[in-house]
Amino acid sequence: MNPLAKGIRDYLAMRRSLGFKLVRHEAGLKEFASFLARKRSPHITVTLALKWATQDANHKPYEWAARLSVVRGFARHWSATDPLTEVPPVGLLPYRPPRAQPYFYSDHEIQRLLKAAKSRPSIDPLRPRTYHCLFGLLAVTGLRLGEALNLRTEDMDWSEGILTIRGAKFGKSRLVPLHTSTCKILADYAKHRDERFGARAEGYLLVNKNGNRLDKGEVHRVFYNLSRQIGLRAVDASRGPRLHDFRQNAESWKMPSEVVLKPYFSASCLSWGRHYLMCSPHLEARRRHEHDIQSSEGDPSTA
């Protein structure tokens, strides 16, 4: 193994040990290493990094920027080993991906989706219950889809009504309290699941027809079909409300005002917060109301 390939392996191992998943980085860095080998360059240079990042004309500019960012991160690390390494400067490709427009589901839309999921025809009697529970759980907790699919039976504390989310973002874990109504529905599902597959302490909480983990692609396909069925998406639409929007939907009801956020988050985080505020009238109205209250409380002339 040549030094650069070993450096890439060590870099990825180090970053992953800190909780970063780096799903696309490994393939990209290996491709870049092969590119350097073909160019017979013993060092990383800005010119070659830029050429590699933009070599595919079919990619969009923000995809070029993402590829260059992968190289930039490794180049910073590798420069400690190879002093001749050139680190591509930030802003060399100043493109950012377009922000997805968040969708805030109404209670009525969520109810219609859950009803459609539960009544969906299937030769597997457990399948409608599975998707009814999955979509309902996403709606009331704001879990990421992957977190919900990875839940094990042992992650549910029935006596306390608390879910343990393991290996979440940055490898951290957290506790999610559930309402008694949610626990009741999950308990009923678990009863039917265990009648079908038998009780398994280490099994998945929500299962497919074989009793194994649900496939993420299949979950998305079911969601898209149900969305079209109830009118959330047009029949021929390629874009529309997403499963991830359940996360924004759950968070929107507990998002504090920007004034409260300022001591804790960076300017870039606040810019994302403003994006959601502008996309949700009830959030923007609440922000203005809280801002007016805090302004009046801080003005001595109104005391």
Protein backbone atom coordinates (compact mmCIF):
# COMPACT_ATOMS: atom_id res chain seq x y z
CA MET A 1 0.00 0.00 0.00
CA ASN A 2 1.47 3.36 -1.07
CA PRO A 3 1.75 6.18 1.49
CA LEU A 4 -1.16 8.20 0.08
CA ALA A 5 -3.55 5.21 0.14
CA LYS A 6 -2.51 4.45 3.72
CA GLY A 7 -2.97 8.12 4.60
CA ILE A 8 -6.51 8.04 3.22
CA ARG A 9 -7.31 4.89 5.18
CA ASP A 10 -5.95 6.36 8.42
CA TYR A 11 -7.74 9.67 7.83
CA LEU A 12 -11.11 7.97 7.32
CA ALA A 13 -10.59 5.73 10.38
CA MET A 14 -9.70 8.75 12.52
CA ARG A 15 -12.71 10.81 11.40
CA ARG A 16 -15.11 7.89 11.79
CA SER A 17 -13.83 7.27 15.30
CA LEU A 18 -15.03 10.80 16.08
CA GLY A 19 -18.54 9.97 14.89
CA PHE A 20 -18.45 11.14 11.26
CA LYS A 21 -20.01 8.64 8.83
CA LEU A 22 -18.23 9.90 5.67
CA VAL A 23 -20.42 7.78 3.41
CA ARG A 24 -19.16 9.24 0.13
CA HIS A 25 -15.69 10.32 1.17
CA GLU A 26 -13.98 6.94 0.87
CA ALA A 27 -14.91 6.37 -2.78
CA GLY A 28 -14.12 9.99 -3.65
CA LEU A 29 -10.68 10.00 -2.03
CA LYS A 30 -9.73 6.69 -3.62
CA GLU A 31 -10.79 8.06 -6.99
CA PHE A 32 -8.74 11.19 -6.37
CA ALA A 33 -5.68 9.10 -5.41
CA SER A 34 -6.01 7.17 -8.69
CA PHE A 35 -6.31 10.48 -10.53
CA LEU A 36 -3.05 11.71 -8.98
CA ALA A 37 -1.36 8.45 -9.94
CA ARG A 38 -2.46 8.82 -13.56
CA LYS A 39 -1.13 12.39 -13.55
CA ARG A 40 2.14 11.09 -12.03
CA SER A 41 1.95 13.69 -9.29
CA PRO A 42 3.55 12.78 -5.94
CA HIS A 43 1.82 15.70 -4.19
CA ILE A 44 -1.67 17.16 -3.87
CA THR A 45 -1.89 20.48 -5.70
CA VAL A 46 -4.72 22.99 -5.96
CA THR A 47 -4.66 22.76 -9.77
CA LEU A 48 -5.06 18.98 -9.81
CA ALA A 49 -7.66 19.00 -7.05
CA LEU A 50 -9.71 21.55 -8.98
CA LYS A 51 -9.32 19.61 -12.22
CA TRP A 52 -10.45 16.37 -10.56
CA ALA A 53 -13.43 18.01 -8.87
CA THR A 54 -14.73 19.58 -12.09
CA GLN A 55 -13.82 16.87 -14.60
CA ASP A 56 -17.39 15.60 -14.98
CA ALA A 57 -19.29 18.13 -17.06
CA ASN A 58 -22.59 16.45 -16.20
CA HIS A 59 -22.23 17.35 -12.52
CA LYS A 60 -23.79 20.54 -11.20
CA PRO A 61 -21.47 23.27 -9.81
CA TYR A 62 -22.47 22.52 -6.20
CA GLU A 63 -21.48 18.87 -6.79
CA TRP A 64 -18.05 20.07 -7.95
CA ALA A 65 -17.79 22.12 -4.75
CA ALA A 66 -18.71 19.07 -2.65
CA ARG A 67 -16.02 16.96 -4.36
CA LEU A 68 -13.42 19.67 -3.78
CA SER A 69 -14.47 19.90 -0.13
CA VAL A 70 -13.72 16.19 0.31
CA VAL A 71 -10.19 16.73 -1.02
CA ARG A 72 -9.74 19.88 1.08
CA GLY A 73 -10.46 18.04 4.32
CA PHE A 74 -7.99 15.29 3.54
CA ALA A 75 -5.36 17.74 2.24
CA ARG A 76 -5.37 19.58 5.57
CA HIS A 77 -4.74 16.29 7.32
CA TRP A 78 -2.12 15.09 4.81
CA SER A 79 -0.17 18.37 4.89
CA ALA A 80 1.23 17.34 8.29
CA THR A 81 2.86 14.33 6.57
CA ASP A 82 3.69 15.93 3.22
CA PRO A 83 4.68 19.62 3.62
CA LEU A 84 4.43 20.11 -0.15
CA THR A 85 0.69 19.45 -0.05
CA GLU A 86 -1.42 22.35 -1.30
CA VAL A 87 -4.75 22.80 0.46
CA PRO A 88 -7.53 24.12 -1.84
CA PRO A 89 -8.74 27.40 -0.32
CA VAL A 90 -12.30 27.77 0.92
CA GLY A 91 -14.40 29.65 -1.63
CA LEU A 92 -12.51 28.36 -4.66
CA LEU A 93 -15.77 26.87 -5.90
CA PRO A 94 -18.36 29.06 -4.10
CA TYR A 95 -21.39 26.97 -4.92
CA ARG A 96 -23.94 25.56 -2.48
CA PRO A 97 -26.71 23.04 -3.12
CA PRO A 98 -30.21 24.48 -3.38
CA ARG A 99 -32.13 24.20 -0.12
CA ALA A 100 -35.05 21.83 -0.11
CA GLN A 101 -38.31 23.62 0.58
CA PRO A 102 -39.54 22.24 3.93
CA TYR A 103 -43.13 21.07 4.08
CA PHE A 104 -45.15 21.45 7.27
CA TYR A 105 -47.85 18.81 7.46
CA SER A 106 -51.23 19.70 8.90
CA ASP A 107 -52.79 17.39 11.49
CA HIS A 108 -55.43 16.46 8.93
CA GLU A 109 -52.82 15.44 6.35
CA ILE A 110 -51.01 13.28 8.89
CA GLN A 111 -54.25 11.59 9.88
CA ARG A 112 -55.10 10.89 6.25
CA LEU A 113 -51.66 9.43 5.62
CA LEU A 114 -51.86 7.16 8.66
CA LYS A 115 -55.37 6.02 7.72
CA ALA A 116 -54.22 5.24 4.17
CA ALA A 117 -51.21 3.31 5.48
CA LYS A 118 -53.34 1.21 7.83
CA SER A 119 -55.96 0.41 5.19
CA ARG A 120 -53.48 -0.30 2.39
CA PRO A 121 -54.26 -3.68 0.75
CA SER A 122 -51.59 -6.31 1.38
CA ILE A 123 -51.28 -10.08 1.46
CA ASP A 124 -49.18 -9.58 4.59
CA PRO A 125 -51.55 -8.52 7.43
CA LEU A 126 -48.65 -7.04 9.43
CA ARG A 127 -47.44 -4.75 6.64
CA PRO A 128 -50.20 -2.07 6.96
CA ARG A 129 -49.69 -1.97 10.73
CA THR A 130 -45.93 -1.58 10.24
CA TYR A 131 -46.23 1.48 8.02
CA HIS A 132 -48.97 2.96 10.16
CA CYS A 133 -46.66 2.74 13.19
CA LEU A 134 -43.56 3.92 11.30
CA PHE A 135 -45.13 7.03 9.80
CA GLY A 136 -46.92 7.82 13.06
CA LEU A 137 -43.69 7.47 15.03
CA LEU A 138 -41.86 9.82 12.63
CA ALA A 139 -44.67 12.36 12.88
CA VAL A 140 -44.79 12.53 16.68
CA THR A 141 -41.07 12.23 17.48
CA GLY A 142 -39.19 13.86 14.61
CA LEU A 143 -36.84 10.87 14.39
CA ARG A 144 -34.63 10.52 11.34
CA LEU A 145 -35.80 7.70 9.10
CA GLY A 146 -32.61 5.70 9.63
CA GLU A 147 -32.99 6.04 13.40
CA ALA A 148 -36.52 4.65 13.27
CA LEU A 149 -35.53 1.76 11.02
CA ASN A 150 -32.61 0.84 13.30
CA LEU A 151 -34.72 0.66 16.46
CA ARG A 152 -34.48 -2.63 18.31
CA THR A 153 -37.10 -4.14 20.59
CA GLU A 154 -34.78 -3.59 23.55
CA ASP A 155 -34.62 0.15 22.77
CA MET A 156 -38.20 0.60 23.99
CA ASP A 157 -38.68 1.03 27.73
CA TRP A 158 -42.36 0.20 28.07
CA SER A 159 -42.59 1.01 31.78
CA GLU A 160 -41.21 4.55 31.33
CA GLY A 161 -42.46 5.18 27.79
CA ILE A 162 -38.99 6.11 26.55
CA LEU A 163 -37.16 5.22 23.33
CA THR A 164 -33.37 5.00 23.29
CA ILE A 165 -31.88 6.16 19.98
CA ARG A 166 -28.44 4.60 19.55
CA GLY A 167 -25.66 5.56 17.16
CA ALA A 168 -27.41 8.69 15.92
CA LYS A 169 -25.66 11.72 14.40
CA PHE A 170 -21.96 11.82 15.36
CA GLY A 171 -22.41 8.39 16.96
CA LYS A 172 -24.30 9.80 19.94
CA SER A 173 -27.33 8.34 21.72
CA ARG A 174 -30.37 10.10 23.16
CA LEU A 175 -33.66 9.41 24.93
CA VAL A 176 -37.02 10.23 23.35
CA PRO A 177 -40.11 10.26 25.63
CA LEU A 178 -43.35 9.03 24.05
CA HIS A 179 -46.96 9.90 24.80
CA THR A 180 -49.05 7.12 26.33
CA SER A 181 -51.21 6.97 23.17
CA THR A 182 -48.09 6.32 21.06
CA CYS A 183 -46.91 3.62 23.48
CA LYS A 184 -50.31 1.94 23.27
CA ILE A 185 -50.19 1.75 19.48
CA LEU A 186 -46.59 0.46 19.49
CA ALA A 187 -47.45 -2.15 22.12
CA ASP A 188 -50.36 -3.39 20.01
CA TYR A 189 -48.05 -3.62 16.99
CA ALA A 190 -45.40 -5.47 19.02
CA LYS A 191 -48.04 -8.00 20.10
CA HIS A 192 -49.01 -8.78 16.50
CA ARG A 193 -45.34 -8.85 15.43
CA ASP A 194 -44.40 -11.33 18.15
CA GLU A 195 -47.40 -13.52 17.31
CA ARG A 196 -46.05 -13.71 13.78
CA PHE A 197 -42.30 -14.04 14.36
CA GLY A 198 -41.95 -14.83 18.07
CA ALA A 199 -40.55 -12.57 20.77
CA ARG A 200 -36.95 -11.53 20.09
CA ALA A 201 -35.28 -9.17 22.55
CA GLU A 202 -32.63 -8.13 20.01
CA GLY A 203 -34.93 -8.06 16.98
CA TYR A 204 -35.98 -4.90 15.15
CA LEU A 205 -38.91 -2.94 16.53
CA LEU A 206 -40.47 -2.42 13.08
CA VAL A 207 -40.02 -5.33 10.67
CA ASN A 208 -40.56 -6.37 7.07
CA LYS A 209 -42.41 -9.46 5.88
CA ASN A 210 -39.47 -11.65 6.90
CA GLY A 211 -39.11 -10.18 10.37
CA ASN A 212 -35.97 -8.23 9.47
CA ARG A 213 -35.09 -4.53 9.15
CA LEU A 214 -37.24 -2.47 6.81
CA ASP A 215 -35.56 -1.39 3.57
CA LYS A 216 -35.20 2.39 3.30
CA GLY A 217 -35.87 2.42 -0.45
CA GLU A 218 -39.06 0.39 -0.02
CA VAL A 219 -40.21 2.73 2.76
CA HIS A 220 -39.80 5.72 0.45
CA ARG A 221 -41.71 3.97 -2.34
CA VAL A 222 -44.62 3.17 -0.03
CA PHE A 223 -44.66 6.77 1.21
CA TYR A 224 -44.67 8.18 -2.33
CA ASN A 225 -47.53 5.88 -3.37
CA LEU A 226 -49.60 6.80 -0.33
CA SER A 227 -48.83 10.51 -0.83
CA ARG A 228 -50.20 10.34 -4.37
CA GLN A 229 -53.19 8.33 -3.21
CA ILE A 230 -54.29 10.99 -0.69
CA GLY A 231 -53.33 13.98 -2.86
CA LEU A 232 -50.16 15.14 -1.08
CA ARG A 233 -48.30 14.66 -4.36
CA ALA A 234 -49.55 14.91 -7.92
CA VAL A 235 -49.60 11.58 -9.74
CA ASP A 236 -46.77 12.58 -12.08
CA ALA A 237 -44.82 14.75 -9.59
CA SER A 238 -41.18 13.94 -8.92
CA ARG A 239 -41.00 16.34 -5.97
CA GLY A 240 -43.22 17.01 -3.01
CA PRO A 241 -43.52 16.43 0.76
CA ARG A 242 -40.80 14.11 2.08
CA LEU A 243 -40.47 11.76 5.01
CA HIS A 244 -37.71 14.01 6.36
CA ASP A 245 -40.27 16.82 6.60
CA PHE A 246 -41.83 15.00 9.54
CA ARG A 247 -38.66 15.98 11.39
CA GLN A 248 -39.16 19.67 10.67
CA ASN A 249 -42.86 19.27 11.42
CA ALA A 250 -42.18 17.88 14.90
CA GLU A 251 -39.41 20.42 15.64
CA SER A 252 -41.46 23.38 14.44
CA TRP A 253 -43.74 23.23 17.46
CA LYS A 254 -40.87 23.52 19.91
CA MET A 255 -38.40 25.74 18.02
CA PRO A 256 -37.50 28.73 20.21
CA SER A 257 -37.23 32.22 18.84
CA GLU A 258 -34.08 33.46 17.13
CA VAL A 259 -33.36 35.66 20.16
CA VAL A 260 -33.12 32.56 22.37
CA LEU A 261 -31.08 30.69 19.75
CA LYS A 262 -28.36 33.30 19.39
CA PRO A 263 -26.24 32.39 22.44
CA TYR A 264 -26.06 28.74 21.36
CA PHE A 265 -25.72 28.56 17.58
CA SER A 266 -23.43 29.97 14.91
CA ALA A 267 -24.53 32.38 12.20
CA SER A 268 -24.75 29.55 9.67
CA CYS A 269 -27.12 27.61 11.95
CA LEU A 270 -29.25 30.71 12.41
CA SER A 271 -29.48 31.17 8.64
CA TRP A 272 -31.02 27.71 8.37
CA GLY A 273 -33.38 28.61 11.22
CA ARG A 274 -34.50 31.74 9.38
CA HIS A 275 -35.13 29.61 6.28
CA TYR A 276 -37.62 27.47 8.22
CA LEU A 277 -39.21 30.51 9.86
CA MET A 278 -39.85 32.11 6.48
CA CYS A 279 -41.35 28.86 5.15
CA SER A 280 -43.76 28.50 8.06
CA PRO A 281 -46.22 31.33 8.79
CA HIS A 282 -47.07 30.10 12.30
CA LEU A 283 -43.37 30.00 13.26
CA GLU A 284 -42.71 33.47 11.86
CA ALA A 285 -45.75 34.86 13.69
CA ARG A 286 -44.60 33.30 16.96
CA ARG A 287 -41.06 34.63 16.47
CA ARG A 288 -42.37 38.17 15.98
CA HIS A 289 -44.64 37.87 19.02
CA GLU A 290 -41.79 36.64 21.27
CA HIS A 291 -39.46 39.31 19.91
CA ASP A 292 -42.01 42.06 20.71
CA ILE A 293 -42.44 40.74 24.27
CA GLN A 294 -38.69 40.56 24.93
CA SER A 295 -38.14 44.00 23.41
CA SER A 296 -40.77 45.57 25.63
CA GLU A 297 -39.40 43.84 28.73
CA GLY A 298 -35.93 45.13 27.98
CA ASP A 299 -37.04 48.75 27.38
CA PRO A 300 -36.89 50.82 30.64
CA SER A 301 -39.38 53.32 29.24
CA THR A 302 -42.11 50.72 29.29
CA ALA A 303 -41.45 49.68 32.92
